[in-house]
Amino acid sequence: MEDLLKEETYSFVSPRDKKFIIAFDAEMDRLGYTSNQTIGDGYCWGRKMIIYTKAGVKSKKSYARIYLRENDLILRMYFSSVDKQRQAIEQAPDYIQQAFTGDYGACKHCHNMKEDSSCSHRKSYTIHGKQYEFCDGFAFWFFSPDLARIPEYIKLFLAFYPEKRKK
């Protein structure tokens, strides 16, 4: 990843953000997730994006992404069954909790909502006794992620995707 980020194409990414990407990529690699050393088009989320999938499996389920924007990054992680990890979230620093409790990503009961008020894109869970509803397309975004916070991002990731014990 480090060599890839040296290419002129990625000159818009700040040195600080490149350090974050390299360190996060190394941690994800250590845990068995890969970006296949590629950076693809970011579509509407940013100029480019890095997609993390489980290494060595055919399924290309996205577990995390980094959106490379003009002036910053966004780290996005994909989580389900949030209530099962409530304790880990409630004990996490505020900058982690914010991704679960902040205004960004709050469900607006859009056109996807069915007549019975259900929505396949809505994530509902409770944090600190308060019910939250987030749209899965905008949930669990960490804006301007910080290199020093990688241990907490990884701790959260491991709460949802624990490392498998090797026999």
N, C-alpha and C. Protein backbone atom coordinates (compact mmCIF):
# COMPACT_ATOMS: atom_id res chain seq x y z
N MET A 1 0.83 -1.19 0.00
CA MET A 1 0.00 0.00 0.00
C MET A 1 0.87 1.26 0.00
N GLU A 2 1.97 1.19 0.73
CA GLU A 2 2.85 2.36 0.83
C GLU A 2 3.36 2.78 -0.55
N ASP A 3 3.79 1.80 -1.36
CA ASP A 3 4.28 2.12 -2.71
C ASP A 3 3.17 2.69 -3.57
N LEU A 4 1.99 2.13 -3.44
CA LEU A 4 0.86 2.61 -4.23
C LEU A 4 0.55 4.07 -3.92
N LEU A 5 0.60 4.43 -2.64
CA LEU A 5 0.29 5.81 -2.24
C LEU A 5 1.33 6.82 -2.70
N LYS A 6 2.50 6.36 -3.14
CA LYS A 6 3.54 7.26 -3.64
C LYS A 6 3.26 7.72 -5.08
N GLU A 7 2.32 7.04 -5.74
CA GLU A 7 2.00 7.39 -7.12
C GLU A 7 1.41 8.80 -7.18
N GLU A 8 1.67 9.49 -8.26
CA GLU A 8 1.19 10.86 -8.47
C GLU A 8 -0.33 10.95 -8.35
N THR A 9 -1.02 9.90 -8.75
CA THR A 9 -2.49 9.87 -8.69
C THR A 9 -3.01 10.19 -7.29
N TYR A 10 -2.22 9.86 -6.27
CA TYR A 10 -2.67 10.04 -4.89
C TYR A 10 -1.99 11.21 -4.20
N SER A 11 -1.50 12.16 -4.99
CA SER A 11 -0.82 13.32 -4.42
C SER A 11 -1.79 14.21 -3.62
N PHE A 12 -3.10 14.07 -3.87
CA PHE A 12 -4.08 14.86 -3.13
C PHE A 12 -4.23 14.38 -1.68
N VAL A 13 -3.72 13.18 -1.36
CA VAL A 13 -3.82 12.64 0.00
C VAL A 13 -2.66 13.20 0.82
N SER A 14 -2.97 13.78 1.96
CA SER A 14 -1.94 14.41 2.79
C SER A 14 -0.99 13.36 3.36
N PRO A 15 0.22 13.75 3.70
CA PRO A 15 1.16 12.82 4.33
C PRO A 15 0.58 12.21 5.62
N ARG A 16 -0.13 13.01 6.39
CA ARG A 16 -0.76 12.52 7.63
C ARG A 16 -1.75 11.41 7.32
N ASP A 17 -2.61 11.62 6.30
CA ASP A 17 -3.60 10.62 5.94
C ASP A 17 -2.96 9.37 5.33
N LYS A 18 -1.86 9.57 4.59
CA LYS A 18 -1.15 8.41 4.04
C LYS A 18 -0.60 7.54 5.16
N LYS A 19 -0.09 8.16 6.23
CA LYS A 19 0.41 7.39 7.37
C LYS A 19 -0.71 6.59 8.02
N PHE A 20 -1.90 7.20 8.12
CA PHE A 20 -3.04 6.49 8.67
C PHE A 20 -3.38 5.27 7.81
N ILE A 21 -3.47 5.48 6.50
CA ILE A 21 -3.83 4.39 5.59
C ILE A 21 -2.84 3.24 5.70
N ILE A 22 -1.57 3.55 5.68
CA ILE A 22 -0.52 2.51 5.75
C ILE A 22 -0.63 1.73 7.06
N ALA A 23 -0.82 2.43 8.17
CA ALA A 23 -0.90 1.76 9.48
C ALA A 23 -2.19 0.95 9.60
N PHE A 24 -3.31 1.50 9.16
CA PHE A 24 -4.58 0.78 9.22
C PHE A 24 -4.52 -0.45 8.32
N ASP A 25 -3.96 -0.29 7.13
CA ASP A 25 -3.82 -1.40 6.19
C ASP A 25 -2.99 -2.54 6.82
N ALA A 26 -1.92 -2.18 7.51
CA ALA A 26 -1.07 -3.19 8.15
C ALA A 26 -1.83 -3.94 9.25
N GLU A 27 -2.63 -3.21 10.02
CA GLU A 27 -3.44 -3.85 11.07
C GLU A 27 -4.48 -4.78 10.48
N MET A 28 -5.16 -4.34 9.45
CA MET A 28 -6.17 -5.18 8.81
C MET A 28 -5.53 -6.42 8.19
N ASP A 29 -4.36 -6.26 7.59
CA ASP A 29 -3.63 -7.39 7.03
C ASP A 29 -3.27 -8.39 8.12
N ARG A 30 -2.81 -7.88 9.26
CA ARG A 30 -2.45 -8.74 10.39
C ARG A 30 -3.66 -9.56 10.86
N LEU A 31 -4.85 -8.98 10.76
CA LEU A 31 -6.08 -9.65 11.21
C LEU A 31 -6.67 -10.58 10.14
N GLY A 32 -6.08 -10.59 8.95
CA GLY A 32 -6.57 -11.48 7.90
C GLY A 32 -7.53 -10.82 6.91
N TYR A 33 -7.47 -9.49 6.82
CA TYR A 33 -8.31 -8.75 5.88
C TYR A 33 -7.38 -8.08 4.87
N THR A 34 -7.87 -7.94 3.65
CA THR A 34 -7.02 -7.40 2.61
C THR A 34 -7.74 -6.33 1.80
N SER A 35 -6.96 -5.45 1.25
CA SER A 35 -7.48 -4.48 0.29
C SER A 35 -7.00 -4.87 -1.10
N ASN A 36 -6.29 -5.99 -1.18
CA ASN A 36 -5.66 -6.43 -2.43
C ASN A 36 -4.79 -5.35 -3.03
N GLN A 37 -4.29 -4.47 -2.15
CA GLN A 37 -3.38 -3.40 -2.57
C GLN A 37 -3.95 -2.57 -3.71
N THR A 38 -5.27 -2.32 -3.66
CA THR A 38 -5.89 -1.53 -4.71
C THR A 38 -6.65 -0.35 -4.12
N ILE A 39 -6.76 0.68 -4.89
CA ILE A 39 -7.58 1.83 -4.53
C ILE A 39 -8.49 2.08 -5.73
N GLY A 40 -9.79 1.97 -5.52
CA GLY A 40 -10.74 2.12 -6.62
C GLY A 40 -11.42 3.47 -6.60
N ASP A 41 -12.28 3.66 -7.58
CA ASP A 41 -13.05 4.90 -7.64
C ASP A 41 -13.93 5.02 -6.41
N GLY A 42 -14.05 6.22 -5.91
CA GLY A 42 -14.82 6.45 -4.69
C GLY A 42 -16.27 6.76 -4.93
N TYR A 43 -16.66 6.92 -6.18
CA TYR A 43 -18.04 7.24 -6.54
C TYR A 43 -18.47 8.50 -5.78
N CYS A 44 -19.58 8.47 -5.08
CA CYS A 44 -20.08 9.67 -4.42
C CYS A 44 -19.48 9.88 -3.03
N TRP A 45 -18.69 8.92 -2.52
CA TRP A 45 -18.18 9.02 -1.15
C TRP A 45 -16.85 9.75 -1.06
N GLY A 46 -16.16 9.85 -2.15
CA GLY A 46 -14.85 10.48 -2.16
C GLY A 46 -14.19 10.23 -3.49
N ARG A 47 -13.01 10.76 -3.65
CA ARG A 47 -12.31 10.63 -4.92
C ARG A 47 -11.91 9.18 -5.20
N LYS A 48 -11.44 8.52 -4.17
CA LYS A 48 -11.01 7.12 -4.27
C LYS A 48 -11.44 6.40 -2.99
N MET A 49 -11.39 5.05 -3.01
CA MET A 49 -11.68 4.30 -1.80
C MET A 49 -10.90 3.00 -1.78
N ILE A 50 -10.62 2.56 -0.56
CA ILE A 50 -9.96 1.29 -0.30
C ILE A 50 -11.00 0.41 0.36
N ILE A 51 -11.19 -0.80 -0.16
CA ILE A 51 -12.19 -1.71 0.37
C ILE A 51 -11.48 -2.91 1.01
N TYR A 52 -11.85 -3.20 2.26
CA TYR A 52 -11.26 -4.33 2.99
C TYR A 52 -12.23 -5.50 3.01
N THR A 53 -11.73 -6.65 2.53
CA THR A 53 -12.49 -7.90 2.52
C THR A 53 -11.68 -8.95 3.26
N LYS A 54 -12.30 -10.07 3.55
CA LYS A 54 -11.61 -11.16 4.23
C LYS A 54 -10.67 -11.82 3.23
N ALA A 55 -9.42 -11.97 3.60
CA ALA A 55 -8.43 -12.58 2.71
C ALA A 55 -8.71 -14.08 2.56
N GLY A 56 -8.51 -14.57 1.35
CA GLY A 56 -8.60 -16.00 1.10
C GLY A 56 -10.00 -16.58 1.01
N VAL A 57 -11.02 -15.74 0.88
CA VAL A 57 -12.39 -16.24 0.71
C VAL A 57 -12.98 -15.67 -0.57
N LYS A 58 -13.91 -16.42 -1.17
CA LYS A 58 -14.50 -15.97 -2.43
C LYS A 58 -15.45 -14.80 -2.22
N SER A 59 -16.18 -14.82 -1.11
CA SER A 59 -17.13 -13.74 -0.83
C SER A 59 -16.37 -12.42 -0.70
N LYS A 60 -16.87 -11.41 -1.32
CA LYS A 60 -16.20 -10.10 -1.26
C LYS A 60 -16.99 -9.12 -0.40
N LYS A 61 -17.53 -9.66 0.70
CA LYS A 61 -18.23 -8.80 1.65
C LYS A 61 -17.27 -7.72 2.14
N SER A 62 -17.75 -6.50 2.18
CA SER A 62 -16.94 -5.38 2.65
C SER A 62 -17.03 -5.29 4.16
N TYR A 63 -15.88 -5.28 4.84
CA TYR A 63 -15.83 -5.17 6.30
C TYR A 63 -15.47 -3.75 6.73
N ALA A 64 -14.73 -3.06 5.90
CA ALA A 64 -14.34 -1.68 6.18
C ALA A 64 -13.94 -1.02 4.86
N ARG A 65 -14.02 0.29 4.86
CA ARG A 65 -13.58 1.07 3.71
C ARG A 65 -12.92 2.34 4.22
N ILE A 66 -12.01 2.84 3.41
CA ILE A 66 -11.46 4.16 3.65
C ILE A 66 -11.78 4.98 2.41
N TYR A 67 -12.49 6.08 2.62
CA TYR A 67 -12.81 6.99 1.52
C TYR A 67 -11.77 8.09 1.50
N LEU A 68 -11.11 8.26 0.37
CA LEU A 68 -10.09 9.29 0.19
C LEU A 68 -10.77 10.48 -0.47
N ARG A 69 -10.91 11.56 0.29
CA ARG A 69 -11.55 12.76 -0.23
C ARG A 69 -10.49 13.82 -0.50
N GLU A 70 -10.90 14.95 -1.01
CA GLU A 70 -9.95 16.01 -1.35
C GLU A 70 -9.10 16.45 -0.17
N ASN A 71 -9.71 16.63 0.99
CA ASN A 71 -8.98 17.19 2.13
C ASN A 71 -8.94 16.31 3.37
N ASP A 72 -9.48 15.11 3.30
CA ASP A 72 -9.47 14.24 4.47
C ASP A 72 -9.85 12.82 4.09
N LEU A 73 -9.98 12.00 5.10
CA LEU A 73 -10.39 10.61 4.93
C LEU A 73 -11.66 10.35 5.73
N ILE A 74 -12.34 9.29 5.38
CA ILE A 74 -13.41 8.75 6.21
C ILE A 74 -13.13 7.26 6.34
N LEU A 75 -13.14 6.78 7.56
CA LEU A 75 -13.07 5.35 7.82
C LEU A 75 -14.50 4.89 8.05
N ARG A 76 -14.91 3.89 7.32
CA ARG A 76 -16.26 3.34 7.47
C ARG A 76 -16.13 1.86 7.77
N MET A 77 -16.83 1.42 8.82
CA MET A 77 -16.84 0.00 9.15
C MET A 77 -18.27 -0.52 9.05
N TYR A 78 -18.39 -1.78 8.74
CA TYR A 78 -19.69 -2.41 8.52
C TYR A 78 -19.99 -3.34 9.69
N PHE A 79 -21.05 -3.03 10.42
CA PHE A 79 -21.41 -3.81 11.59
C PHE A 79 -22.88 -4.19 11.56
N SER A 80 -23.16 -5.37 12.09
CA SER A 80 -24.53 -5.84 12.28
C SER A 80 -24.68 -6.27 13.73
N SER A 81 -25.91 -6.49 14.14
CA SER A 81 -26.19 -6.94 15.52
C SER A 81 -25.49 -6.05 16.54
N VAL A 82 -25.71 -4.77 16.41
CA VAL A 82 -25.04 -3.78 17.26
C VAL A 82 -25.36 -3.99 18.73
N ASP A 83 -26.61 -4.37 19.03
CA ASP A 83 -26.98 -4.57 20.45
C ASP A 83 -26.10 -5.62 21.13
N LYS A 84 -25.62 -6.60 20.40
CA LYS A 84 -24.76 -7.64 20.98
C LYS A 84 -23.41 -7.07 21.43
N GLN A 85 -23.03 -5.93 20.87
CA GLN A 85 -21.74 -5.30 21.22
C GLN A 85 -21.94 -4.00 22.00
N ARG A 86 -23.13 -3.85 22.58
CA ARG A 86 -23.47 -2.62 23.30
C ARG A 86 -22.43 -2.26 24.36
N GLN A 87 -22.02 -3.22 25.15
CA GLN A 87 -21.06 -2.93 26.22
C GLN A 87 -19.75 -2.40 25.67
N ALA A 88 -19.24 -3.00 24.61
CA ALA A 88 -17.99 -2.54 24.01
C ALA A 88 -18.13 -1.10 23.50
N ILE A 89 -19.27 -0.79 22.91
CA ILE A 89 -19.50 0.56 22.38
C ILE A 89 -19.63 1.55 23.52
N GLU A 90 -20.40 1.20 24.54
CA GLU A 90 -20.62 2.12 25.67
C GLU A 90 -19.34 2.40 26.45
N GLN A 91 -18.40 1.47 26.41
CA GLN A 91 -17.13 1.65 27.12
C GLN A 91 -16.06 2.29 26.24
N ALA A 92 -16.36 2.47 24.98
CA ALA A 92 -15.39 3.05 24.03
C ALA A 92 -15.30 4.56 24.22
N PRO A 93 -14.22 5.16 23.74
CA PRO A 93 -14.09 6.63 23.80
C PRO A 93 -15.22 7.32 23.02
N ASP A 94 -15.45 8.58 23.33
CA ASP A 94 -16.52 9.35 22.69
C ASP A 94 -16.42 9.34 21.16
N TYR A 95 -15.20 9.42 20.62
CA TYR A 95 -15.06 9.47 19.16
C TYR A 95 -15.49 8.16 18.50
N ILE A 96 -15.51 7.07 19.24
CA ILE A 96 -16.06 5.80 18.73
C ILE A 96 -17.58 5.83 18.88
N GLN A 97 -18.05 6.18 20.06
CA GLN A 97 -19.49 6.21 20.31
C GLN A 97 -20.22 7.13 19.34
N GLN A 98 -19.58 8.23 18.95
CA GLN A 98 -20.20 9.21 18.06
C GLN A 98 -20.67 8.58 16.75
N ALA A 99 -19.94 7.60 16.26
CA ALA A 99 -20.32 6.94 15.01
C ALA A 99 -21.62 6.15 15.15
N PHE A 100 -22.00 5.83 16.38
CA PHE A 100 -23.22 5.07 16.66
C PHE A 100 -24.36 5.96 17.18
N THR A 101 -24.02 7.14 17.68
CA THR A 101 -25.02 7.97 18.35
C THR A 101 -25.16 9.37 17.77
N GLY A 102 -24.28 9.77 16.89
CA GLY A 102 -24.32 11.12 16.33
C GLY A 102 -25.45 11.31 15.34
N ASP A 103 -25.56 12.49 14.82
CA ASP A 103 -26.63 12.81 13.87
C ASP A 103 -26.36 12.24 12.48
N TYR A 104 -25.07 12.11 12.11
CA TYR A 104 -24.77 11.64 10.76
C TYR A 104 -25.16 10.17 10.63
N GLY A 105 -26.02 9.89 9.70
CA GLY A 105 -26.46 8.53 9.46
C GLY A 105 -27.80 8.20 10.10
N ALA A 106 -28.35 9.14 10.88
CA ALA A 106 -29.64 8.88 11.53
C ALA A 106 -30.69 8.61 10.46
N CYS A 107 -31.51 7.60 10.70
CA CYS A 107 -32.57 7.21 9.76
C CYS A 107 -33.57 8.35 9.62
N LYS A 108 -33.88 8.67 8.39
CA LYS A 108 -34.84 9.75 8.11
C LYS A 108 -36.16 9.18 7.59
N HIS A 109 -36.32 7.86 7.71
CA HIS A 109 -37.55 7.19 7.26
C HIS A 109 -37.89 7.60 5.83
N CYS A 110 -36.95 7.33 4.94
CA CYS A 110 -37.02 7.76 3.55
C CYS A 110 -37.94 6.88 2.70
N HIS A 111 -37.78 7.00 1.40
CA HIS A 111 -38.58 6.27 0.43
C HIS A 111 -38.41 4.75 0.51
N ASN A 112 -37.37 4.26 1.20
CA ASN A 112 -37.16 2.82 1.33
C ASN A 112 -38.09 2.18 2.35
N MET A 113 -38.74 3.01 3.18
CA MET A 113 -39.59 2.48 4.23
C MET A 113 -40.86 1.88 3.62
N LYS A 114 -41.22 0.70 4.11
CA LYS A 114 -42.42 0.02 3.62
C LYS A 114 -43.64 0.48 4.41
N GLU A 115 -44.82 0.10 3.94
CA GLU A 115 -46.07 0.51 4.59
C GLU A 115 -46.13 0.08 6.06
N ASP A 116 -45.49 -1.04 6.39
CA ASP A 116 -45.51 -1.52 7.78
C ASP A 116 -44.42 -0.86 8.64
N SER A 117 -43.82 0.19 8.11
CA SER A 117 -42.76 0.98 8.78
C SER A 117 -41.43 0.23 8.89
N SER A 118 -41.31 -0.91 8.21
CA SER A 118 -40.03 -1.62 8.23
C SER A 118 -39.14 -1.10 7.11
N CYS A 119 -37.88 -1.34 7.24
CA CYS A 119 -36.92 -0.93 6.23
C CYS A 119 -35.72 -1.86 6.31
N SER A 120 -35.35 -2.44 5.21
CA SER A 120 -34.21 -3.37 5.21
C SER A 120 -32.88 -2.64 5.34
N HIS A 121 -32.91 -1.32 5.26
CA HIS A 121 -31.68 -0.53 5.38
C HIS A 121 -31.50 0.09 6.76
N ARG A 122 -32.45 -0.11 7.65
CA ARG A 122 -32.41 0.52 8.97
C ARG A 122 -31.72 -0.40 9.98
N LYS A 123 -30.79 0.19 10.72
CA LYS A 123 -30.13 -0.51 11.82
C LYS A 123 -30.65 0.12 13.10
N SER A 124 -31.31 -0.68 13.92
CA SER A 124 -31.87 -0.20 15.18
C SER A 124 -31.13 -0.85 16.33
N TYR A 125 -30.79 -0.05 17.33
CA TYR A 125 -30.07 -0.56 18.49
C TYR A 125 -30.19 0.44 19.62
N THR A 126 -29.73 0.05 20.80
CA THR A 126 -29.80 0.89 21.99
C THR A 126 -28.40 1.10 22.55
N ILE A 127 -28.05 2.35 22.80
CA ILE A 127 -26.77 2.71 23.43
C ILE A 127 -27.09 3.62 24.61
N HIS A 128 -26.54 3.30 25.77
CA HIS A 128 -26.79 4.07 27.00
C HIS A 128 -28.29 4.29 27.23
N GLY A 129 -29.08 3.25 26.97
CA GLY A 129 -30.51 3.30 27.23
C GLY A 129 -31.34 4.08 26.21
N LYS A 130 -30.71 4.60 25.18
CA LYS A 130 -31.43 5.37 24.16
C LYS A 130 -31.48 4.57 22.86
N GLN A 131 -32.65 4.53 22.25
CA GLN A 131 -32.85 3.82 20.99
C GLN A 131 -32.34 4.68 19.82
N TYR A 132 -31.59 4.06 18.92
CA TYR A 132 -31.08 4.73 17.72
C TYR A 132 -31.53 3.96 16.49
N GLU A 133 -31.76 4.69 15.42
CA GLU A 133 -32.04 4.11 14.12
C GLU A 133 -31.11 4.78 13.12
N PHE A 134 -30.29 3.98 12.48
CA PHE A 134 -29.34 4.50 11.50
C PHE A 134 -29.61 3.85 10.14
N CYS A 135 -29.35 4.60 9.10
CA CYS A 135 -29.43 4.07 7.74
C CYS A 135 -28.12 3.34 7.44
N ASP A 136 -28.20 2.10 7.00
CA ASP A 136 -26.97 1.33 6.79
C ASP A 136 -26.06 1.93 5.72
N GLY A 137 -26.56 2.77 4.88
CA GLY A 137 -25.72 3.43 3.88
C GLY A 137 -24.87 4.55 4.44
N PHE A 138 -25.20 4.98 5.66
CA PHE A 138 -24.48 6.11 6.26
C PHE A 138 -24.10 5.83 7.71
N ALA A 139 -24.06 4.57 8.08
CA ALA A 139 -23.78 4.21 9.47
C ALA A 139 -22.30 3.89 9.69
N PHE A 140 -21.85 4.23 10.88
CA PHE A 140 -20.53 3.84 11.38
C PHE A 140 -19.38 4.43 10.57
N TRP A 141 -19.48 5.74 10.37
CA TRP A 141 -18.45 6.51 9.67
C TRP A 141 -17.61 7.24 10.71
N PHE A 142 -16.32 7.19 10.54
CA PHE A 142 -15.38 7.88 11.42
C PHE A 142 -14.67 8.93 10.57
N PHE A 143 -15.07 10.18 10.77
CA PHE A 143 -14.55 11.27 9.96
C PHE A 143 -13.16 11.68 10.42
N SER A 144 -12.28 11.97 9.46
CA SER A 144 -10.90 12.37 9.74
C SER A 144 -10.24 11.45 10.78
N PRO A 145 -10.16 10.16 10.48
CA PRO A 145 -9.58 9.22 11.45
C PRO A 145 -8.13 9.57 11.76
N ASP A 146 -7.75 9.26 12.97
CA ASP A 146 -6.46 9.67 13.50
C ASP A 146 -5.57 8.44 13.71
N LEU A 147 -4.33 8.55 13.32
CA LEU A 147 -3.35 7.48 13.48
C LEU A 147 -3.29 6.98 14.92
N ALA A 148 -3.31 7.89 15.88
CA ALA A 148 -3.22 7.52 17.29
C ALA A 148 -4.44 6.74 17.77
N ARG A 149 -5.53 6.80 17.02
CA ARG A 149 -6.77 6.12 17.43
C ARG A 149 -6.93 4.73 16.82
N ILE A 150 -5.98 4.32 16.01
CA ILE A 150 -6.08 3.01 15.36
C ILE A 150 -6.30 1.88 16.37
N PRO A 151 -5.62 1.86 17.52
CA PRO A 151 -5.89 0.77 18.47
C PRO A 151 -7.37 0.69 18.88
N GLU A 152 -8.03 1.82 19.06
CA GLU A 152 -9.45 1.81 19.43
C GLU A 152 -10.34 1.40 18.26
N TYR A 153 -9.99 1.81 17.04
CA TYR A 153 -10.76 1.37 15.87
C TYR A 153 -10.65 -0.15 15.73
N ILE A 154 -9.46 -0.68 15.92
CA ILE A 154 -9.25 -2.12 15.80
C ILE A 154 -9.94 -2.86 16.94
N LYS A 155 -9.90 -2.33 18.14
CA LYS A 155 -10.59 -2.94 19.28
C LYS A 155 -12.09 -3.04 18.98
N LEU A 156 -12.66 -1.99 18.43
CA LEU A 156 -14.07 -2.02 18.05
C LEU A 156 -14.30 -3.05 16.95
N PHE A 157 -13.47 -3.05 15.94
CA PHE A 157 -13.59 -4.01 14.84
C PHE A 157 -13.57 -5.44 15.38
N LEU A 158 -12.67 -5.72 16.31
CA LEU A 158 -12.55 -7.06 16.87
C LEU A 158 -13.73 -7.44 17.76
N ALA A 159 -14.43 -6.46 18.31
CA ALA A 159 -15.64 -6.78 19.08
C ALA A 159 -16.70 -7.39 18.15
N PHE A 160 -16.76 -6.91 16.93
CA PHE A 160 -17.72 -7.41 15.95
C PHE A 160 -17.19 -8.61 15.16
N TYR A 161 -15.89 -8.63 14.93
CA TYR A 161 -15.27 -9.70 14.12
C TYR A 161 -14.08 -10.26 14.89
N PRO A 162 -14.34 -11.07 15.92
CA PRO A 162 -13.23 -11.60 16.74
C PRO A 162 -12.27 -12.45 15.92
N GLU A 163 -11.02 -12.41 16.33
CA GLU A 163 -10.01 -13.24 15.66
C GLU A 163 -10.35 -14.70 15.93
N LYS A 164 -10.17 -15.51 14.92
CA LYS A 164 -10.40 -16.95 15.06
C LYS A 164 -9.16 -17.56 15.71
N ARG A 165 -9.41 -18.44 16.65
CA ARG A 165 -8.30 -19.14 17.32
C ARG A 165 -7.72 -20.18 16.36
N LYS A 166 -6.42 -20.20 16.24
CA LYS A 166 -5.75 -21.20 15.41
C LYS A 166 -5.54 -22.45 16.24
N LYS A 167 -5.85 -23.61 15.63
CA LYS A 167 -5.73 -24.89 16.34
C LYS A 167 -4.35 -25.46 16.23
